[in-house]
PDB file of all heavy atoms in Angstrom:
ATOM      1  N   PRO A   1     132.564 134.531 166.835  1.00  0.00           N
ATOM      2  CA  PRO A   1     132.090 134.337 165.459  1.00  0.00           C
ATOM      3  C   PRO A   1     131.484 132.947 165.268  1.00  0.00           C
ATOM      4  O   PRO A   1     131.769 131.998 166.002  1.00  0.00           O
ATOM      5  CB  PRO A   1     133.372 134.480 164.638  1.00  0.00           C
ATOM      6  CG  PRO A   1     134.432 133.955 165.549  1.00  0.00           C
ATOM      7  CD  PRO A   1     134.015 134.333 166.949  1.00  0.00           C
ATOM      8  N   VAL A   2     130.641 132.845 164.266  1.00  0.00           N
ATOM      9  CA  VAL A   2     130.125 131.545 163.848  1.00  0.00           C
ATOM     10  C   VAL A   2     131.171 130.870 162.961  1.00  0.00           C
ATOM     11  O   VAL A   2     131.675 131.468 162.003  1.00  0.00           O
ATOM     12  CB  VAL A   2     128.786 131.700 163.091  1.00  0.00           C
ATOM     13  CG1 VAL A   2     128.294 130.346 162.579  1.00  0.00           C
ATOM     14  CG2 VAL A   2     127.745 132.327 163.998  1.00  0.00           C
ATOM     15  N   LEU A   3     131.507 129.618 163.286  1.00  0.00           N
ATOM     16  CA  LEU A   3     132.531 128.881 162.540  1.00  0.00           C
ATOM     17  C   LEU A   3     131.900 128.281 161.288  1.00  0.00           C
ATOM     18  O   LEU A   3     131.205 127.253 161.347  1.00  0.00           O
ATOM     19  CB  LEU A   3     133.156 127.793 163.422  1.00  0.00           C
ATOM     20  CG  LEU A   3     133.875 128.275 164.682  1.00  0.00           C
ATOM     21  CD1 LEU A   3     134.416 127.093 165.468  1.00  0.00           C
ATOM     22  CD2 LEU A   3     134.982 129.243 164.337  1.00  0.00           C
ATOM     23  N   LYS A   4     132.110 128.923 160.178  1.00  0.00           N
ATOM     24  CA  LYS A   4     131.594 128.429 158.903  1.00  0.00           C
ATOM     25  C   LYS A   4     132.537 128.892 157.800  1.00  0.00           C
ATOM     26  O   LYS A   4     133.325 129.829 157.972  1.00  0.00           O
ATOM     27  CB  LYS A   4     130.183 128.952 158.646  1.00  0.00           C
ATOM     28  CG  LYS A   4     130.076 130.467 158.582  1.00  0.00           C
ATOM     29  CD  LYS A   4     128.642 130.904 158.354  1.00  0.00           C
ATOM     30  CE  LYS A   4     128.544 132.432 158.287  1.00  0.00           C
ATOM     31  NZ  LYS A   4     127.161 132.871 158.022  1.00  0.00           N
ATOM     32  N   ALA A   5     132.463 128.178 156.661  1.00  0.00           N
ATOM     33  CA  ALA A   5     133.340 128.492 155.533  1.00  0.00           C
ATOM     34  C   ALA A   5     132.683 128.006 154.262  1.00  0.00           C
ATOM     35  O   ALA A   5     131.663 127.295 154.274  1.00  0.00           O
ATOM     36  CB  ALA A   5     134.722 127.857 155.714  1.00  0.00           C
ATOM     37  N   SER A   6     133.280 128.384 153.156  1.00  0.00           N
ATOM     38  CA  SER A   6     132.757 127.989 151.852  1.00  0.00           C
ATOM     39  C   SER A   6     133.070 126.522 151.572  1.00  0.00           C
ATOM     40  O   SER A   6     134.073 125.975 152.032  1.00  0.00           O
ATOM     41  CB  SER A   6     133.376 128.872 150.762  1.00  0.00           C
ATOM     42  OG  SER A   6     133.003 128.403 149.478  1.00  0.00           O
ATOM     43  N   THR A   7     132.212 125.882 150.796  1.00  0.00           N
ATOM     44  CA  THR A   7     132.413 124.475 150.419  1.00  0.00           C
ATOM     45  C   THR A   7     133.327 124.317 149.205  1.00  0.00           C
ATOM     46  O   THR A   7     133.614 123.186 148.814  1.00  0.00           O
ATOM     47  CB  THR A   7     131.059 123.826 150.100  1.00  0.00           C
ATOM     48  OG1 THR A   7     130.428 124.546 149.022  1.00  0.00           O
ATOM     49  CG2 THR A   7     130.147 123.851 151.319  1.00  0.00           C
ATOM     50  N   LEU A   8     133.775 125.409 148.624  1.00  0.00           N
ATOM     51  CA  LEU A   8     134.617 125.313 147.427  1.00  0.00           C
ATOM     52  C   LEU A   8     135.931 124.575 147.690  1.00  0.00           C
ATOM     53  O   LEU A   8     136.327 123.748 146.858  1.00  0.00           O
ATOM     54  CB  LEU A   8     134.893 126.717 146.890  1.00  0.00           C
ATOM     55  CG  LEU A   8     135.729 126.787 145.599  1.00  0.00           C
ATOM     56  CD1 LEU A   8     135.040 126.043 144.473  1.00  0.00           C
ATOM     57  CD2 LEU A   8     136.016 128.241 145.228  1.00  0.00           C
ATOM     58  N   PRO A   9     136.633 124.806 148.809  1.00  0.00           N
ATOM     59  CA  PRO A   9     137.865 124.033 149.035  1.00  0.00           C
ATOM     60  C   PRO A   9     137.620 122.525 149.089  1.00  0.00           C
ATOM     61  O   PRO A   9     138.443 121.751 148.601  1.00  0.00           O
ATOM     62  CB  PRO A   9     138.381 124.576 150.367  1.00  0.00           C
ATOM     63  CG  PRO A   9     137.808 125.950 150.469  1.00  0.00           C
ATOM     64  CD  PRO A   9     136.467 125.848 149.827  1.00  0.00           C
ATOM     65  N   TYR A  10     136.504 122.121 149.650  1.00  0.00           N
ATOM     66  CA  TYR A  10     136.210 120.684 149.712  1.00  0.00           C
ATOM     67  C   TYR A  10     135.875 120.130 148.333  1.00  0.00           C
ATOM     68  O   TYR A  10     136.225 118.989 148.009  1.00  0.00           O
ATOM     69  CB  TYR A  10     135.055 120.430 150.679  1.00  0.00           C
ATOM     70  CG  TYR A  10     135.528 120.084 152.066  1.00  0.00           C
ATOM     71  CD1 TYR A  10     136.494 120.852 152.694  1.00  0.00           C
ATOM     72  CD2 TYR A  10     135.037 118.986 152.729  1.00  0.00           C
ATOM     73  CE1 TYR A  10     136.932 120.543 153.959  1.00  0.00           C
ATOM     74  CE2 TYR A  10     135.473 118.657 154.001  1.00  0.00           C
ATOM     75  CZ  TYR A  10     136.429 119.451 154.610  1.00  0.00           C
ATOM     76  OH  TYR A  10     136.878 119.127 155.859  1.00  0.00           O
ATOM     77  N   GLN A  11     135.199 120.906 147.527  1.00  0.00           N
ATOM     78  CA  GLN A  11     134.898 120.448 146.172  1.00  0.00           C
ATOM     79  C   GLN A  11     136.163 120.274 145.335  1.00  0.00           C
ATOM     80  O   GLN A  11     136.237 119.400 144.473  1.00  0.00           O
ATOM     81  CB  GLN A  11     133.952 121.431 145.502  1.00  0.00           C
ATOM     82  CG  GLN A  11     132.577 121.534 146.156  1.00  0.00           C
ATOM     83  CD  GLN A  11     131.716 122.613 145.523  1.00  0.00           C
ATOM     84  OE1 GLN A  11     132.084 123.199 144.505  1.00  0.00           O
ATOM     85  NE2 GLN A  11     130.577 122.892 146.144  1.00  0.00           N
ATOM     86  N   LEU A  12     137.178 121.078 145.635  1.00  0.00           N
ATOM     87  CA  LEU A  12     138.425 120.985 144.887  1.00  0.00           C
ATOM     88  C   LEU A  12     139.323 119.860 145.391  1.00  0.00           C
ATOM     89  O   LEU A  12     140.063 119.249 144.613  1.00  0.00           O
ATOM     90  CB  LEU A  12     139.179 122.319 144.968  1.00  0.00           C
ATOM     91  CG  LEU A  12     138.489 123.523 144.313  1.00  0.00           C
ATOM     92  CD1 LEU A  12     139.305 124.794 144.559  1.00  0.00           C
ATOM     93  CD2 LEU A  12     138.301 123.291 142.818  1.00  0.00           C
ATOM     94  N   THR A  13     139.286 119.572 146.702  1.00  0.00           N
ATOM     95  CA  THR A  13     140.180 118.564 147.273  1.00  0.00           C
ATOM     96  C   THR A  13     139.561 117.183 147.404  1.00  0.00           C
ATOM     97  O   THR A  13     140.280 116.219 147.679  1.00  0.00           O
ATOM     98  CB  THR A  13     140.648 119.017 148.657  1.00  0.00           C
ATOM     99  OG1 THR A  13     139.496 119.254 149.501  1.00  0.00           O
ATOM    100  CG2 THR A  13     141.471 120.294 148.562  1.00  0.00           C
ATOM    101  N   ALA A  14     138.254 117.064 147.203  1.00  0.00           N
ATOM    102  CA  ALA A  14     137.610 115.746 147.316  1.00  0.00           C
ATOM    103  C   ALA A  14     138.166 114.741 146.311  1.00  0.00           C
ATOM    104  O   ALA A  14     138.430 113.589 146.676  1.00  0.00           O
ATOM    105  CB  ALA A  14     136.101 115.896 147.165  1.00  0.00           C
ATOM    106  N   PRO A  15     138.367 115.085 145.032  1.00  0.00           N
ATOM    107  CA  PRO A  15     138.976 114.107 144.114  1.00  0.00           C
ATOM    108  C   PRO A  15     140.381 113.688 144.531  1.00  0.00           C
ATOM    109  O   PRO A  15     140.761 112.524 144.350  1.00  0.00           O
ATOM    110  CB  PRO A  15     138.986 114.849 142.767  1.00  0.00           C
ATOM    111  CG  PRO A  15     137.927 115.885 142.888  1.00  0.00           C
ATOM    112  CD  PRO A  15     137.944 116.303 144.314  1.00  0.00           C
ATOM    113  N   ALA A  16     141.150 114.615 145.093  1.00  0.00           N
ATOM    114  CA  ALA A  16     142.498 114.256 145.541  1.00  0.00           C
ATOM    115  C   ALA A  16     142.450 113.237 146.672  1.00  0.00           C
ATOM    116  O   ALA A  16     143.228 112.268 146.697  1.00  0.00           O
ATOM    117  CB  ALA A  16     143.252 115.507 145.988  1.00  0.00           C
ATOM    118  N   LEU A  17     141.521 113.414 147.617  1.00  0.00           N
ATOM    119  CA  LEU A  17     141.390 112.450 148.707  1.00  0.00           C
ATOM    120  C   LEU A  17     140.927 111.095 148.182  1.00  0.00           C
ATOM    121  O   LEU A  17     141.418 110.045 148.625  1.00  0.00           O
ATOM    122  CB  LEU A  17     140.402 112.980 149.747  1.00  0.00           C
ATOM    123  CG  LEU A  17     140.114 112.062 150.940  1.00  0.00           C
ATOM    124  CD1 LEU A  17     141.392 111.767 151.707  1.00  0.00           C
ATOM    125  CD2 LEU A  17     139.063 112.682 151.850  1.00  0.00           C
ATOM    126  N   ALA A  18     139.995 111.094 147.243  1.00  0.00           N
ATOM    127  CA  ALA A  18     139.523 109.827 146.674  1.00  0.00           C
ATOM    128  C   ALA A  18     140.651 109.076 145.969  1.00  0.00           C
ATOM    129  O   ALA A  18     140.828 107.865 146.157  1.00  0.00           O
ATOM    130  CB  ALA A  18     138.378 110.104 145.707  1.00  0.00           C
ATOM    131  N   LEU A  19     141.443 109.785 145.169  1.00  0.00           N
ATOM    132  CA  LEU A  19     142.562 109.134 144.475  1.00  0.00           C
ATOM    133  C   LEU A  19     143.603 108.637 145.473  1.00  0.00           C
ATOM    134  O   LEU A  19     144.200 107.561 145.275  1.00  0.00           O
ATOM    135  CB  LEU A  19     143.192 110.111 143.492  1.00  0.00           C
ATOM    136  CG  LEU A  19     142.350 110.471 142.254  1.00  0.00           C
ATOM    137  CD1 LEU A  19     143.061 111.531 141.421  1.00  0.00           C
ATOM    138  CD2 LEU A  19     142.088 109.227 141.409  1.00  0.00           C
ATOM    139  N   LEU A  20     143.831 109.396 146.521  1.00  0.00           N
ATOM    140  CA  LEU A  20     144.811 108.987 147.525  1.00  0.00           C
ATOM    141  C   LEU A  20     144.388 107.685 148.202  1.00  0.00           C
ATOM    142  O   LEU A  20     145.196 106.765 148.388  1.00  0.00           O
ATOM    143  CB  LEU A  20     144.981 110.089 148.559  1.00  0.00           C
ATOM    144  CG  LEU A  20     146.158 109.969 149.534  1.00  0.00           C
ATOM    145  CD1 LEU A  20     147.473 109.991 148.787  1.00  0.00           C
ATOM    146  CD2 LEU A  20     146.105 111.106 150.547  1.00  0.00           C
ATOM    147  N   LEU A  21     143.112 107.572 148.543  1.00  0.00           N
ATOM    148  CA  LEU A  21     142.622 106.346 149.170  1.00  0.00           C
ATOM    149  C   LEU A  21     142.654 105.174 148.190  1.00  0.00           C
ATOM    150  O   LEU A  21     142.997 104.042 148.564  1.00  0.00           O
ATOM    151  CB  LEU A  21     141.197 106.563 149.689  1.00  0.00           C
ATOM    152  CG  LEU A  21     141.056 107.454 150.926  1.00  0.00           C
ATOM    153  CD1 LEU A  21     139.584 107.689 151.234  1.00  0.00           C
ATOM    154  CD2 LEU A  21     141.752 106.825 152.123  1.00  0.00           C
ATOM    155  N   VAL A  22     142.303 105.427 146.927  1.00  0.00           N
ATOM    156  CA  VAL A  22     142.318 104.357 145.929  1.00  0.00           C
ATOM    157  C   VAL A  22     143.735 103.849 145.702  1.00  0.00           C
ATOM    158  O   VAL A  22     143.987 102.631 145.689  1.00  0.00           O
ATOM    159  CB  VAL A  22     141.695 104.854 144.613  1.00  0.00           C
ATOM    160  CG1 VAL A  22     141.942 103.849 143.484  1.00  0.00           C
ATOM    161  CG2 VAL A  22     140.195 105.067 144.782  1.00  0.00           C
ATOM    162  N   PHE A  23     144.684 104.744 145.556  1.00  0.00           N
ATOM    163  CA  PHE A  23     146.065 104.328 145.339  1.00  0.00           C
ATOM    164  C   PHE A  23     146.616 103.610 146.562  1.00  0.00           C
ATOM    165  O   PHE A  23     147.375 102.643 146.434  1.00  0.00           O
ATOM    166  CB  PHE A  23     146.926 105.541 145.003  1.00  0.00           C
ATOM    167  CG  PHE A  23     146.628 106.132 143.648  1.00  0.00           C
ATOM    168  CD1 PHE A  23     146.942 107.461 143.380  1.00  0.00           C
ATOM    169  CD2 PHE A  23     146.034 105.378 142.652  1.00  0.00           C
ATOM    170  CE1 PHE A  23     146.664 108.014 142.135  1.00  0.00           C
ATOM    171  CE2 PHE A  23     145.748 105.923 141.409  1.00  0.00           C
ATOM    172  CZ  PHE A  23     146.071 107.250 141.149  1.00  0.00           C
ATOM    173  N   ARG A  24     146.248 104.065 147.753  1.00  0.00           N
ATOM    174  CA  ARG A  24     146.716 103.420 148.984  1.00  0.00           C
ATOM    175  C   ARG A  24     146.196 101.991 149.072  1.00  0.00           C
ATOM    176  O   ARG A  24     146.950 101.053 149.389  1.00  0.00           O
ATOM    177  CB  ARG A  24     146.252 104.232 150.192  1.00  0.00           C
ATOM    178  CG  ARG A  24     146.576 103.624 151.551  1.00  0.00           C
ATOM    179  CD  ARG A  24     148.071 103.670 151.780  1.00  0.00           C
ATOM    180  NE  ARG A  24     148.415 103.270 153.125  1.00  0.00           N
ATOM    181  CZ  ARG A  24     148.511 102.011 153.557  1.00  0.00           C
ATOM    182  NH1 ARG A  24     148.285 101.012 152.717  1.00  0.00           N
ATOM    183  NH2 ARG A  24     148.862 101.734 154.802  1.00  0.00           N
ATOM    184  N   THR A  25     144.917 101.794 148.803  1.00  0.00           N
ATOM    185  CA  THR A  25     144.339 100.459 148.857  1.00  0.00           C
ATOM    186  C   THR A  25     144.876  99.571 147.743  1.00  0.00           C
ATOM    187  O   THR A  25     145.124  98.375 147.950  1.00  0.00           O
ATOM    188  CB  THR A  25     142.804 100.555 148.779  1.00  0.00           C
ATOM    189  OG1 THR A  25     142.333 101.500 149.742  1.00  0.00           O
ATOM    190  CG2 THR A  25     142.165  99.217 149.047  1.00  0.00           C
ATOM    191  N   GLU A  26     145.071 100.138 146.563  1.00  0.00           N
ATOM    192  CA  GLU A  26     145.600  99.361 145.451  1.00  0.00           C
ATOM    193  C   GLU A  26     147.032  98.911 145.722  1.00  0.00           C
ATOM    194  O   GLU A  26     147.420  97.770 145.403  1.00  0.00           O
ATOM    195  CB  GLU A  26     145.552 100.201 144.173  1.00  0.00           C
ATOM    196  CG  GLU A  26     146.039  99.478 142.926  1.00  0.00           C
ATOM    197  CD  GLU A  26     145.173  98.300 142.555  1.00  0.00           C
ATOM    198  OE1 GLU A  26     143.992  98.270 142.934  1.00  0.00           O
ATOM    199  OE2 GLU A  26     145.695  97.386 141.874  1.00  0.00           O
ATOM    200  N   ALA A  27     147.851  99.773 146.315  1.00  0.00           N
ATOM    201  CA  ALA A  27     149.216  99.385 146.662  1.00  0.00           C
ATOM    202  C   ALA A  27     149.223  98.260 147.693  1.00  0.00           C
ATOM    203  O   ALA A  27     150.040  97.331 147.609  1.00  0.00           O
ATOM    204  CB  ALA A  27     149.984 100.596 147.187  1.00  0.00           C
ATOM    205  N   SER A  28     148.315  98.318 148.661  1.00  0.00           N
ATOM    206  CA  SER A  28     148.237  97.252 149.661  1.00  0.00           C
ATOM    207  C   SER A  28     147.779  95.942 149.024  1.00  0.00           C
ATOM    208  O   SER A  28     148.301  94.865 149.349  1.00  0.00           O
ATOM    209  CB  SER A  28     147.278  97.653 150.790  1.00  0.00           C
ATOM    210  OG  SER A  28     147.741  98.801 151.460  1.00  0.00           O
ATOM    211  N   TYR A  29     146.814  96.012 148.102  1.00  0.00           N
ATOM    212  CA  TYR A  29     146.335  94.784 147.468  1.00  0.00           C
ATOM    213  C   TYR A  29     147.404  94.170 146.572  1.00  0.00           C
ATOM    214  O   TYR A  29     147.489  92.938 146.462  1.00  0.00           O
ATOM    215  CB  TYR A  29     145.073  95.061 146.653  1.00  0.00           C
ATOM    216  CG  TYR A  29     144.530  93.814 146.000  1.00  0.00           C
ATOM    217  CD1 TYR A  29     143.845  92.865 146.753  1.00  0.00           C
ATOM    218  CD2 TYR A  29     144.727  93.553 144.647  1.00  0.00           C
ATOM    219  CE1 TYR A  29     143.364  91.705 146.174  1.00  0.00           C
ATOM    220  CE2 TYR A  29     144.253  92.400 144.058  1.00  0.00           C
ATOM    221  CZ  TYR A  29     143.571  91.489 144.827  1.00  0.00           C
ATOM    222  OH  TYR A  29     143.097  90.331 144.263  1.00  0.00           O
ATOM    223  N   SER A  30     148.219  94.989 145.939  1.00  0.00           N
ATOM    224  CA  SER A  30     149.309  94.441 145.125  1.00  0.00           C
ATOM    225  C   SER A  30     150.299  93.678 146.003  1.00  0.00           C
ATOM    226  O   SER A  30     150.847  92.643 145.585  1.00  0.00           O
ATOM    227  CB  SER A  30     150.004  95.559 144.369  1.00  0.00           C
ATOM    228  OG  SER A  30     150.646  96.456 145.254  1.00  0.00           O
ATOM    229  N   ARG A  31     150.554  94.157 147.223  1.00  0.00           N
ATOM    230  CA  ARG A  31     151.402  93.425 148.151  1.00  0.00           C
ATOM    231  C   ARG A  31     150.745  92.112 148.564  1.00  0.00           C
ATOM    232  O   ARG A  31     151.419  91.073 148.669  1.00  0.00           O
ATOM    233  CB  ARG A  31     151.695  94.277 149.382  1.00  0.00           C
ATOM    234  CG  ARG A  31     152.610  95.452 149.128  1.00  0.00           C
ATOM    235  CD  ARG A  31     152.663  96.358 150.346  1.00  0.00           C
ATOM    236  NE  ARG A  31     153.027  95.641 151.531  1.00  0.00           N
ATOM    237  CZ  ARG A  31     154.282  95.392 151.932  1.00  0.00           C
ATOM    238  NH1 ARG A  31     155.291  95.834 151.203  1.00  0.00           N
ATOM    239  NH2 ARG A  31     154.523  94.729 153.033  1.00  0.00           N
ATOM    240  N   PHE A  32     149.455  92.128 148.811  1.00  0.00           N
ATOM    241  CA  PHE A  32     148.729  90.902 149.147  1.00  0.00           C
ATOM    242  C   PHE A  32     148.812  89.900 147.998  1.00  0.00           C
ATOM    243  O   PHE A  32     149.040  88.698 148.217  1.00  0.00           O
ATOM    244  CB  PHE A  32     147.282  91.240 149.471  1.00  0.00           C
ATOM    245  CG  PHE A  32     146.400  90.033 149.675  1.00  0.00           C
ATOM    246  CD1 PHE A  32     146.391  89.377 150.890  1.00  0.00           C
ATOM    247  CD2 PHE A  32     145.593  89.561 148.655  1.00  0.00           C
ATOM    248  CE1 PHE A  32     145.588  88.254 151.085  1.00  0.00           C
ATOM    249  CE2 PHE A  32     144.792  88.454 148.831  1.00  0.00           C
ATOM    250  CZ  PHE A  32     144.785  87.801 150.052  1.00  0.00           C
ATOM    251  N   GLU A  33     148.638  90.372 146.784  1.00  0.00           N
ATOM    252  CA  GLU A  33     148.700  89.485 145.619  1.00  0.00           C
ATOM    253  C   GLU A  33     150.113  88.924 145.433  1.00  0.00           C
ATOM    254  O   GLU A  33     150.273  87.742 145.077  1.00  0.00           O
ATOM    255  CB  GLU A  33     148.268  90.264 144.375  1.00  0.00           C
ATOM    256  CG  GLU A  33     148.169  89.432 143.113  1.00  0.00           C
ATOM    257  CD  GLU A  33     147.048  88.418 143.163  1.00  0.00           C
ATOM    258  OE1 GLU A  33     146.184  88.520 144.058  1.00  0.00           O
ATOM    259  OE2 GLU A  33     147.039  87.512 142.309  1.00  0.00           O
ATOM    260  N   GLU A  34     151.121  89.725 145.691  1.00  0.00           N
ATOM    261  CA  GLU A  34     152.494  89.253 145.559  1.00  0.00           C
ATOM    262  C   GLU A  34     152.802  88.182 146.611  1.00  0.00           C
ATOM    263  O   GLU A  34     153.472  87.182 146.310  1.00  0.00           O
ATOM    264  CB  GLU A  34     153.461  90.421 145.704  1.00  0.00           C
ATOM    265  CG  GLU A  34     154.900  90.080 145.345  1.00  0.00           C
ATOM    266  CD  GLU A  34     155.809  91.298 145.359  1.00  0.00           C
ATOM    267  OE1 GLU A  34     155.289  92.406 145.600  1.00  0.00           O
ATOM    268  OE2 GLU A  34     157.016  91.134 145.120  1.00  0.00           O
ATOM    269  N   GLY A  35     152.323  88.370 147.820  1.00  0.00           N
ATOM    270  CA  GLY A  35     152.501  87.351 148.848  1.00  0.00           C
ATOM    271  C   GLY A  35     151.770  86.067 148.514  1.00  0.00           C
ATOM    272  O   GLY A  35     152.281  84.955 148.750  1.00  0.00           O
ATOM    273  N   ARG A  36     150.577  86.171 147.962  1.00  0.00           N
ATOM    274  CA  ARG A  36     149.821  84.971 147.575  1.00  0.00           C
ATOM    275  C   ARG A  36     150.539  84.208 146.465  1.00  0.00           C
ATOM    276  O   ARG A  36     150.635  82.979 146.499  1.00  0.00           O
ATOM    277  CB  ARG A  36     148.425  85.383 147.114  1.00  0.00           C
ATOM    278  CG  ARG A  36     147.499  84.214 146.807  1.00  0.00           C
ATOM    279  CD  ARG A  36     146.228  84.690 146.150  1.00  0.00           C
ATOM    280  NE  ARG A  36     146.502  85.284 144.843  1.00  0.00           N
ATOM    281  CZ  ARG A  36     146.671  84.573 143.732  1.00  0.00           C
ATOM    282  NH1 ARG A  36     146.626  83.254 143.764  1.00  0.00           N
ATOM    283  NH2 ARG A  36     146.901  85.189 142.591  1.00  0.00           N
ATOM    284  N   LYS A  37     151.079  84.935 145.483  1.00  0.00           N
ATOM    285  CA  LYS A  37     151.807  84.274 144.399  1.00  0.00           C
ATOM    286  C   LYS A  37     153.081  83.611 144.912  1.00  0.00           C
ATOM    287  O   LYS A  37     153.450  82.525 144.449  1.00  0.00           O
ATOM    288  CB  LYS A  37     152.138  85.292 143.308  1.00  0.00           C
ATOM    289  CG  LYS A  37     150.930  85.768 142.511  1.00  0.00           C
ATOM    290  CD  LYS A  37     151.337  86.767 141.444  1.00  0.00           C
ATOM    291  CE  LYS A  37     150.140  87.223 140.632  1.00  0.00           C
ATOM    292  NZ  LYS A  37     150.517  88.223 139.599  1.00  0.00           N
TER     293      LYS A  37
END
């Protein structure tokens, strides 16, 4: 078979991945800021 699928699952999970990366980076920066203080 040809390996292909609908793009709907990616359209639904893309915001979740974006928020996950934003929260991960924000948590790391808060640790950096706490160490600097």
